[in-house]
Amino acid sequence: MKSIIKTFLVIGFLSVLPLLSIGQTTDPGGPGGAPGGTPVGGGAPIEGGLFILLSLGAAYGGKKVFDLNKKELDD
Protein backbone atom coordinates (compact mmCIF):
# COMPACT_ATOMS: atom_id res chain seq x y z
CA MET A 1 0.00 0.00 0.00
CA LYS A 2 2.84 2.37 0.83
CA SER A 3 4.48 1.78 -2.55
CA ILE A 4 1.22 2.72 -4.32
CA ILE A 5 1.04 5.99 -2.39
CA LYS A 6 4.67 6.76 -3.17
CA THR A 7 4.08 6.01 -6.84
CA PHE A 8 1.10 8.37 -6.99
CA LEU A 9 3.06 11.11 -5.22
CA VAL A 10 5.95 10.80 -7.69
CA ILE A 11 3.60 10.82 -10.68
CA GLY A 12 1.77 13.83 -9.24
CA PHE A 13 5.00 15.74 -8.68
CA LEU A 14 6.27 14.96 -12.18
CA SER A 15 2.98 16.07 -13.73
CA VAL A 16 3.07 19.43 -11.85
CA LEU A 17 6.76 20.08 -12.57
CA PRO A 18 6.25 21.51 -16.11
CA LEU A 19 3.74 24.00 -14.75
CA LEU A 20 6.41 25.47 -12.47
CA SER A 21 8.54 26.50 -15.44
CA ILE A 22 5.80 28.66 -16.98
CA GLY A 23 6.57 31.56 -14.65
CA GLN A 24 9.96 32.26 -16.20
CA THR A 25 10.48 35.65 -17.75
CA THR A 26 11.11 36.08 -21.45
CA ASP A 27 14.33 37.36 -23.00
CA PRO A 28 14.12 41.15 -23.41
CA GLY A 29 16.09 40.95 -26.66
CA GLY A 30 18.93 43.20 -27.73
CA PRO A 31 20.37 46.28 -26.03
CA GLY A 32 17.26 48.33 -26.81
CA GLY A 33 15.03 45.73 -25.23
CA ALA A 34 13.36 44.85 -28.52
CA PRO A 35 12.29 41.20 -28.82
CA GLY A 36 13.86 39.07 -31.49
CA GLY A 37 17.50 39.75 -30.66
CA THR A 38 20.34 37.30 -31.20
CA PRO A 39 19.93 33.91 -29.55
CA VAL A 40 21.73 33.03 -26.35
CA GLY A 41 25.26 32.01 -27.22
CA GLY A 42 25.48 34.41 -30.14
CA GLY A 43 24.38 31.87 -32.74
CA ALA A 44 27.44 29.66 -32.20
CA PRO A 45 27.59 26.58 -34.45
CA ILE A 46 27.12 23.19 -32.77
CA GLU A 47 28.35 20.90 -35.54
CA GLY A 48 31.80 20.30 -34.02
CA GLY A 49 30.47 19.66 -30.54
CA LEU A 50 27.78 17.35 -31.84
CA PHE A 51 30.36 15.29 -33.74
CA ILE A 52 32.54 14.98 -30.63
CA LEU A 53 29.55 13.94 -28.50
CA LEU A 54 28.44 11.29 -31.00
CA SER A 55 31.95 9.89 -31.42
CA LEU A 56 32.47 9.64 -27.66
CA GLY A 57 29.10 7.89 -27.33
CA ALA A 58 30.05 5.41 -30.05
CA ALA A 59 33.42 4.73 -28.40
CA TYR A 60 31.73 4.16 -25.03
CA GLY A 61 29.19 1.78 -26.59
CA GLY A 62 31.96 -0.08 -28.42
CA LYS A 63 33.90 -0.54 -25.18
CA LYS A 64 30.78 -1.88 -23.44
CA VAL A 65 30.21 -4.41 -26.24
CA PHE A 66 33.89 -5.40 -26.18
CA ASP A 67 33.82 -5.92 -22.40
CA LEU A 68 30.58 -7.93 -22.64
CA ASN A 69 32.04 -10.23 -25.34
CA LYS A 70 35.26 -10.64 -23.35
CA LYS A 71 33.30 -11.59 -20.23
CA GLU A 72 31.24 -14.18 -22.16
CA LEU A 73 34.40 -15.74 -23.61
CA ASP A 74 35.99 -16.03 -20.14
CA ASP A 75 32.95 -17.85 -18.72
PDB file of N, CA and C in Angstrom:
ATOM      1  N   MET A   1       0.823  -1.192   0.000  1.00  0.00           N
ATOM      2  CA  MET A   1       0.000   0.000   0.000  1.00  0.00           C
ATOM      3  C   MET A   1       0.866   1.255   0.000  1.00  0.00           C
ATOM      4  N   LYS A   2       1.966   1.212   0.756  1.00  0.00           N
ATOM      5  CA  LYS A   2       2.842   2.374   0.827  1.00  0.00           C
ATOM      6  C   LYS A   2       3.504   2.645  -0.525  1.00  0.00           C
ATOM      7  N   SER A   3       3.831   1.575  -1.248  1.00  0.00           N
ATOM      8  CA  SER A   3       4.477   1.780  -2.554  1.00  0.00           C
ATOM      9  C   SER A   3       3.511   2.420  -3.548  1.00  0.00           C
ATOM     10  N   ILE A   4       2.216   2.111  -3.434  1.00  0.00           N
ATOM     11  CA  ILE A   4       1.223   2.718  -4.323  1.00  0.00           C
ATOM     12  C   ILE A   4       1.117   4.212  -4.039  1.00  0.00           C
ATOM     13  N   ILE A   5       1.115   4.581  -2.769  1.00  0.00           N
ATOM     14  CA  ILE A   5       1.035   5.989  -2.393  1.00  0.00           C
ATOM     15  C   ILE A   5       2.278   6.731  -2.869  1.00  0.00           C
ATOM     16  N   LYS A   6       3.437   6.123  -2.704  1.00  0.00           N
ATOM     17  CA  LYS A   6       4.673   6.757  -3.167  1.00  0.00           C
ATOM     18  C   LYS A   6       4.655   6.933  -4.678  1.00  0.00           C
ATOM     19  N   THR A   7       4.150   5.925  -5.386  1.00  0.00           N
ATOM     20  CA  THR A   7       4.077   6.005  -6.844  1.00  0.00           C
ATOM     21  C   THR A   7       3.170   7.154  -7.280  1.00  0.00           C
ATOM     22  N   PHE A   8       2.002   7.283  -6.646  1.00  0.00           N
ATOM     23  CA  PHE A   8       1.098   8.367  -6.993  1.00  0.00           C
ATOM     24  C   PHE A   8       1.692   9.733  -6.660  1.00  0.00           C
ATOM     25  N   LEU A   9       2.426   9.837  -5.564  1.00  0.00           N
ATOM     26  CA  LEU A   9       3.063  11.105  -5.222  1.00  0.00           C
ATOM     27  C   LEU A   9       4.127  11.491  -6.244  1.00  0.00           C
ATOM     28  N   VAL A  10       4.917  10.519  -6.687  1.00  0.00           N
ATOM     29  CA  VAL A  10       5.947  10.805  -7.689  1.00  0.00           C
ATOM     30  C   VAL A  10       5.309  11.207  -9.013  1.00  0.00           C
ATOM     31  N   ILE A  11       4.282  10.482  -9.428  1.00  0.00           N
ATOM     32  CA  ILE A  11       3.596  10.822 -10.675  1.00  0.00           C
ATOM     33  C   ILE A  11       2.953  12.202 -10.570  1.00  0.00           C
ATOM     34  N   GLY A  12       2.368  12.511  -9.432  1.00  0.00           N
ATOM     35  CA  GLY A  12       1.769  13.831  -9.243  1.00  0.00           C
ATOM     36  C   GLY A  12       2.799  14.940  -9.294  1.00  0.00           C
ATOM     37  N   PHE A  13       3.947  14.726  -8.656  1.00  0.00           N
ATOM     38  CA  PHE A  13       5.005  15.737  -8.676  1.00  0.00           C
ATOM     39  C   PHE A  13       5.535  15.939 -10.086  1.00  0.00           C
ATOM     40  N   LEU A  14       5.746  14.850 -10.822  1.00  0.00           N
ATOM     41  CA  LEU A  14       6.267  14.962 -12.181  1.00  0.00           C
ATOM     42  C   LEU A  14       5.257  15.595 -13.130  1.00  0.00           C
ATOM     43  N   SER A  15       3.972  15.457 -12.855  1.00  0.00           N
ATOM     44  CA  SER A  15       2.978  16.075 -13.727  1.00  0.00           C
ATOM     45  C   SER A  15       2.829  17.567 -13.430  1.00  0.00           C
ATOM     46  N   VAL A  16       3.157  18.013 -12.212  1.00  0.00           N
ATOM     47  CA  VAL A  16       3.074  19.428 -11.853  1.00  0.00           C
ATOM     48  C   VAL A  16       4.364  20.160 -12.201  1.00  0.00           C
ATOM     49  N   LEU A  17       5.456  19.468 -12.325  1.00  0.00           N
ATOM     50  CA  LEU A  17       6.762  20.077 -12.567  1.00  0.00           C
ATOM     51  C   LEU A  17       6.795  20.976 -13.806  1.00  0.00           C
ATOM     52  N   PRO A  18       6.223  20.595 -14.958  1.00  0.00           N
ATOM     53  CA  PRO A  18       6.252  21.505 -16.111  1.00  0.00           C
ATOM     54  C   PRO A  18       5.504  22.811 -15.868  1.00  0.00           C
ATOM     55  N   LEU A  19       4.489  22.783 -15.023  1.00  0.00           N
ATOM     56  CA  LEU A  19       3.737  24.005 -14.746  1.00  0.00           C
ATOM     57  C   LEU A  19       4.572  25.019 -13.975  1.00  0.00           C
ATOM     58  N   LEU A  20       5.563  24.564 -13.242  1.00  0.00           N
ATOM     59  CA  LEU A  20       6.406  25.474 -12.469  1.00  0.00           C
ATOM     60  C   LEU A  20       7.334  26.285 -13.361  1.00  0.00           C
ATOM     61  N   SER A  21       7.627  25.799 -14.543  1.00  0.00           N
ATOM     62  CA  SER A  21       8.541  26.504 -15.439  1.00  0.00           C
ATOM     63  C   SER A  21       7.840  27.571 -16.274  1.00  0.00           C
ATOM     64  N   ILE A  22       6.530  27.668 -16.199  1.00  0.00           N
ATOM     65  CA  ILE A  22       5.803  28.661 -16.983  1.00  0.00           C
ATOM     66  C   ILE A  22       6.081  30.066 -16.478  1.00  0.00           C
ATOM     67  N   GLY A  23       6.384  30.241 -15.230  1.00  0.00           N
ATOM     68  CA  GLY A  23       6.565  31.557 -14.646  1.00  0.00           C
ATOM     69  C   GLY A  23       7.880  32.220 -14.980  1.00  0.00           C
ATOM     70  N   GLN A  24       8.689  31.644 -15.854  1.00  0.00           N
ATOM     71  CA  GLN A  24       9.958  32.258 -16.198  1.00  0.00           C
ATOM     72  C   GLN A  24       9.741  33.458 -17.100  1.00  0.00           C
ATOM     73  N   THR A  25      10.605  34.454 -16.936  1.00  0.00           N
ATOM     74  CA  THR A  25      10.478  35.650 -17.752  1.00  0.00           C
ATOM     75  C   THR A  25      11.036  35.395 -19.146  1.00  0.00           C
ATOM     76  N   THR A  26      10.621  36.217 -20.089  1.00  0.00           N
ATOM     77  CA  THR A  26      11.107  36.083 -21.453  1.00  0.00           C
ATOM     78  C   THR A  26      12.362  36.923 -21.639  1.00  0.00           C
ATOM     79  N   ASP A  27      13.104  36.625 -22.685  1.00  0.00           N
ATOM     80  CA  ASP A  27      14.325  37.364 -22.995  1.00  0.00           C
ATOM     81  C   ASP A  27      13.942  38.748 -23.521  1.00  0.00           C
ATOM     82  N   PRO A  28      14.498  39.819 -22.956  1.00  0.00           N
ATOM     83  CA  PRO A  28      14.117  41.151 -23.412  1.00  0.00           C
ATOM     84  C   PRO A  28      14.662  41.489 -24.794  1.00  0.00           C
ATOM     85  N   GLY A  29      15.561  40.703 -25.328  1.00  0.00           N
ATOM     86  CA  GLY A  29      16.086  40.949 -26.659  1.00  0.00           C
ATOM     87  C   GLY A  29      17.422  41.667 -26.611  1.00  0.00           C
ATOM     88  N   GLY A  30      17.650  42.517 -27.590  1.00  0.00           N
ATOM     89  CA  GLY A  30      18.925  43.203 -27.730  1.00  0.00           C
ATOM     90  C   GLY A  30      19.102  44.324 -26.721  1.00  0.00           C
ATOM     91  N   PRO A  31      20.087  45.209 -26.975  1.00  0.00           N
ATOM     92  CA  PRO A  31      20.374  46.283 -26.033  1.00  0.00           C
ATOM     93  C   PRO A  31      19.210  47.258 -25.875  1.00  0.00           C
ATOM     94  N   GLY A  32      18.407  47.428 -26.903  1.00  0.00           N
ATOM     95  CA  GLY A  32      17.263  48.330 -26.813  1.00  0.00           C
ATOM     96  C   GLY A  32      16.062  47.686 -26.159  1.00  0.00           C
ATOM     97  N   GLY A  33      16.141  46.422 -25.852  1.00  0.00           N
ATOM     98  CA  GLY A  33      15.031  45.727 -25.227  1.00  0.00           C
ATOM     99  C   GLY A  33      14.009  45.206 -26.221  1.00  0.00           C
ATOM    100  N   ALA A  34      14.299  45.318 -27.506  1.00  0.00           N
ATOM    101  CA  ALA A  34      13.360  44.846 -28.517  1.00  0.00           C
ATOM    102  C   ALA A  34      13.422  43.323 -28.611  1.00  0.00           C
ATOM    103  N   PRO A  35      12.272  42.660 -28.690  1.00  0.00           N
ATOM    104  CA  PRO A  35      12.287  41.203 -28.821  1.00  0.00           C
ATOM    105  C   PRO A  35      12.852  40.789 -30.179  1.00  0.00           C
ATOM    106  N   GLY A  36      13.330  39.598 -30.243  1.00  0.00           N
ATOM    107  CA  GLY A  36      13.861  39.073 -31.492  1.00  0.00           C
ATOM    108  C   GLY A  36      15.337  39.344 -31.666  1.00  0.00           C
ATOM    109  N   GLY A  37      16.065  39.524 -30.578  1.00  0.00           N
ATOM    110  CA  GLY A  37      17.500  39.751 -30.658  1.00  0.00           C
ATOM    111  C   GLY A  37      18.241  38.471 -31.005  1.00  0.00           C
ATOM    112  N   THR A  38      19.547  38.493 -30.898  1.00  0.00           N
ATOM    113  CA  THR A  38      20.338  37.302 -31.195  1.00  0.00           C
ATOM    114  C   THR A  38      20.084  36.237 -30.146  1.00  0.00           C
ATOM    115  N   PRO A  39      20.168  34.981 -30.517  1.00  0.00           N
ATOM    116  CA  PRO A  39      19.930  33.912 -29.548  1.00  0.00           C
ATOM    117  C   PRO A  39      21.048  33.844 -28.510  1.00  0.00           C
ATOM    118  N   VAL A  40      20.744  33.202 -27.407  1.00  0.00           N
ATOM    119  CA  VAL A  40      21.725  33.035 -26.346  1.00  0.00           C
ATOM    120  C   VAL A  40      22.888  32.224 -26.890  1.00  0.00           C
ATOM    121  N   GLY A  41      24.083  32.673 -26.690  1.00  0.00           N
ATOM    122  CA  GLY A  41      25.262  32.012 -27.218  1.00  0.00           C
ATOM    123  C   GLY A  41      25.752  32.667 -28.490  1.00  0.00           C
ATOM    124  N   GLY A  42      25.043  33.675 -28.974  1.00  0.00           N
ATOM    125  CA  GLY A  42      25.476  34.407 -30.143  1.00  0.00           C
ATOM    126  C   GLY A  42      25.351  33.648 -31.447  1.00  0.00           C
ATOM    127  N   GLY A  43      24.539  32.625 -31.511  1.00  0.00           N
ATOM    128  CA  GLY A  43      24.381  31.868 -32.739  1.00  0.00           C
ATOM    129  C   GLY A  43      25.591  30.995 -33.042  1.00  0.00           C
ATOM    130  N   ALA A  44      26.254  30.489 -32.009  1.00  0.00           N
ATOM    131  CA  ALA A  44      27.445  29.659 -32.199  1.00  0.00           C
ATOM    132  C   ALA A  44      27.068  28.338 -32.865  1.00  0.00           C
ATOM    133  N   PRO A  45      27.890  27.854 -33.793  1.00  0.00           N
ATOM    134  CA  PRO A  45      27.587  26.576 -34.447  1.00  0.00           C
ATOM    135  C   PRO A  45      27.800  25.404 -33.483  1.00  0.00           C
ATOM    136  N   ILE A  46      27.008  24.353 -33.653  1.00  0.00           N
ATOM    137  CA  ILE A  46      27.118  23.192 -32.770  1.00  0.00           C
ATOM    138  C   ILE A  46      27.617  21.956 -33.500  1.00  0.00           C
ATOM    139  N   GLU A  47      27.977  22.076 -34.771  1.00  0.00           N
ATOM    140  CA  GLU A  47      28.349  20.896 -35.536  1.00  0.00           C
ATOM    141  C   GLU A  47      29.554  20.180 -34.938  1.00  0.00           C
ATOM    142  N   GLY A  48      30.598  20.921 -34.562  1.00  0.00           N
ATOM    143  CA  GLY A  48      31.803  20.304 -34.020  1.00  0.00           C
ATOM    144  C   GLY A  48      31.537  19.601 -32.701  1.00  0.00           C
ATOM    145  N   GLY A  49      30.795  20.253 -31.829  1.00  0.00           N
ATOM    146  CA  GLY A  49      30.473  19.658 -30.538  1.00  0.00           C
ATOM    147  C   GLY A  49      29.588  18.437 -30.672  1.00  0.00           C
ATOM    148  N   LEU A  50      28.665  18.488 -31.617  1.00  0.00           N
ATOM    149  CA  LEU A  50      27.782  17.348 -31.837  1.00  0.00           C
ATOM    150  C   LEU A  50      28.564  16.141 -32.343  1.00  0.00           C
ATOM    151  N   PHE A  51      29.527  16.377 -33.243  1.00  0.00           N
ATOM    152  CA  PHE A  51      30.363  15.292 -33.745  1.00  0.00           C
ATOM    153  C   PHE A  51      31.182  14.672 -32.623  1.00  0.00           C
ATOM    154  N   ILE A  52      31.745  15.497 -31.750  1.00  0.00           N
ATOM    155  CA  ILE A  52      32.537  14.984 -30.631  1.00  0.00           C
ATOM    156  C   ILE A  52      31.655  14.165 -29.699  1.00  0.00           C
ATOM    157  N   LEU A  53      30.457  14.654 -29.391  1.00  0.00           N
ATOM    158  CA  LEU A  53      29.547  13.941 -28.503  1.00  0.00           C
ATOM    159  C   LEU A  53      29.147  12.588 -29.085  1.00  0.00           C
ATOM    160  N   LEU A  54      28.835  12.556 -30.371  1.00  0.00           N
ATOM    161  CA  LEU A  54      28.442  11.292 -31.002  1.00  0.00           C
ATOM    162  C   LEU A  54      29.600  10.304 -31.068  1.00  0.00           C
ATOM    163  N   SER A  55      30.806  10.804 -31.346  1.00  0.00           N
ATOM    164  CA  SER A  55      31.948   9.888 -31.423  1.00  0.00           C
ATOM    165  C   SER A  55      32.307   9.335 -30.045  1.00  0.00           C
ATOM    166  N   LEU A  56      32.208  10.145 -29.010  1.00  0.00           N
ATOM    167  CA  LEU A  56      32.470   9.636 -27.656  1.00  0.00           C
ATOM    168  C   LEU A  56      31.418   8.615 -27.238  1.00  0.00           C
ATOM    169  N   GLY A  57      30.162   8.849 -27.623  1.00  0.00           N
ATOM    170  CA  GLY A  57      29.105   7.887 -27.328  1.00  0.00           C
ATOM    171  C   GLY A  57      29.328   6.568 -28.050  1.00  0.00           C
ATOM    172  N   ALA A  58      29.778   6.629 -29.296  1.00  0.00           N
ATOM    173  CA  ALA A  58      30.052   5.408 -30.054  1.00  0.00           C
ATOM    174  C   ALA A  58      31.230   4.651 -29.449  1.00  0.00           C
ATOM    175  N   ALA A  59      32.262   5.382 -29.015  1.00  0.00           N
ATOM    176  CA  ALA A  59      33.418   4.731 -28.398  1.00  0.00           C
ATOM    177  C   ALA A  59      33.017   4.060 -27.085  1.00  0.00           C
ATOM    178  N   TYR A  60      32.188   4.734 -26.297  1.00  0.00           N
ATOM    179  CA  TYR A  60      31.728   4.160 -25.031  1.00  0.00           C
ATOM    180  C   TYR A  60      30.893   2.899 -25.274  1.00  0.00           C
ATOM    181  N   GLY A  61      29.996   2.956 -26.255  1.00  0.00           N
ATOM    182  CA  GLY A  61      29.190   1.783 -26.586  1.00  0.00           C
ATOM    183  C   GLY A  61      30.041   0.642 -27.101  1.00  0.00           C
ATOM    184  N   GLY A  62      31.056   0.959 -27.913  1.00  0.00           N
ATOM    185  CA  GLY A  62      31.957  -0.076 -28.416  1.00  0.00           C
ATOM    186  C   GLY A  62      32.733  -0.747 -27.302  1.00  0.00           C
ATOM    187  N   LYS A  63      33.167   0.038 -26.319  1.00  0.00           N
ATOM    188  CA  LYS A  63      33.896  -0.540 -25.183  1.00  0.00           C
ATOM    189  C   LYS A  63      32.984  -1.448 -24.375  1.00  0.00           C
ATOM    190  N   LYS A  64      31.727  -1.043 -24.184  1.00  0.00           N
ATOM    191  CA  LYS A  64      30.779  -1.881 -23.442  1.00  0.00           C
ATOM    192  C   LYS A  64      30.555  -3.212 -24.155  1.00  0.00           C
ATOM    193  N   VAL A  65      30.400  -3.176 -25.472  1.00  0.00           N
ATOM    194  CA  VAL A  65      30.207  -4.409 -26.239  1.00  0.00           C
ATOM    195  C   VAL A  65      31.454  -5.278 -26.159  1.00  0.00           C
ATOM    196  N   PHE A  66      32.635  -4.661 -26.270  1.00  0.00           N
ATOM    197  CA  PHE A  66      33.889  -5.401 -26.183  1.00  0.00           C
ATOM    198  C   PHE A  66      34.027  -6.081 -24.824  1.00  0.00           C
ATOM    199  N   ASP A  67      33.722  -5.343 -23.743  1.00  0.00           N
ATOM    200  CA  ASP A  67      33.815  -5.922 -22.401  1.00  0.00           C
ATOM    201  C   ASP A  67      32.821  -7.055 -22.213  1.00  0.00           C
ATOM    202  N   LEU A  68      31.611  -6.903 -22.758  1.00  0.00           N
ATOM    203  CA  LEU A  68      30.582  -7.935 -22.642  1.00  0.00           C
ATOM    204  C   LEU A  68      31.017  -9.204 -23.380  1.00  0.00           C
ATOM    205  N   ASN A  69      31.573  -9.052 -24.575  1.00  0.00           N
ATOM    206  CA  ASN A  69      32.044 -10.227 -25.340  1.00  0.00           C
ATOM    207  C   ASN A  69      33.223 -10.883 -24.639  1.00  0.00           C
ATOM    208  N   LYS A  70      34.100 -10.097 -24.073  1.00  0.00           N
ATOM    209  CA  LYS A  70      35.265 -10.636 -23.351  1.00  0.00           C
ATOM    210  C   LYS A  70      34.813 -11.426 -22.129  1.00  0.00           C
ATOM    211  N   LYS A  71      33.815 -10.907 -21.422  1.00  0.00           N
ATOM    212  CA  LYS A  71      33.299 -11.586 -20.233  1.00  0.00           C
ATOM    213  C   LYS A  71      32.644 -12.915 -20.614  1.00  0.00           C
ATOM    214  N   GLU A  72      31.904 -12.933 -21.727  1.00  0.00           N
ATOM    215  CA  GLU A  72      31.245 -14.177 -22.161  1.00  0.00           C
ATOM    216  C   GLU A  72      32.270 -15.222 -22.589  1.00  0.00           C
ATOM    217  N   LEU A  73      33.381 -14.802 -23.191  1.00  0.00           N
ATOM    218  CA  LEU A  73      34.398 -15.741 -23.608  1.00  0.00           C
ATOM    219  C   LEU A  73      35.156 -16.333 -22.407  1.00  0.00           C
ATOM    220  N   ASP A  74      35.308 -15.544 -21.332  1.00  0.00           N
ATOM    221  CA  ASP A  74      35.993 -16.027 -20.139  1.00  0.00           C
ATOM    222  C   ASP A  74      35.151 -17.044 -19.377  1.00  0.00           C
ATOM    223  N   ASP A  75      33.828 -16.927 -19.468  1.00  0.00           N
ATOM    224  CA  ASP A  75      32.946 -17.848 -18.722  1.00  0.00           C
ATOM    225  C   ASP A  75      32.817 -19.162 -19.384  1.00  0.00           C
TER     226      ASP A  75
END
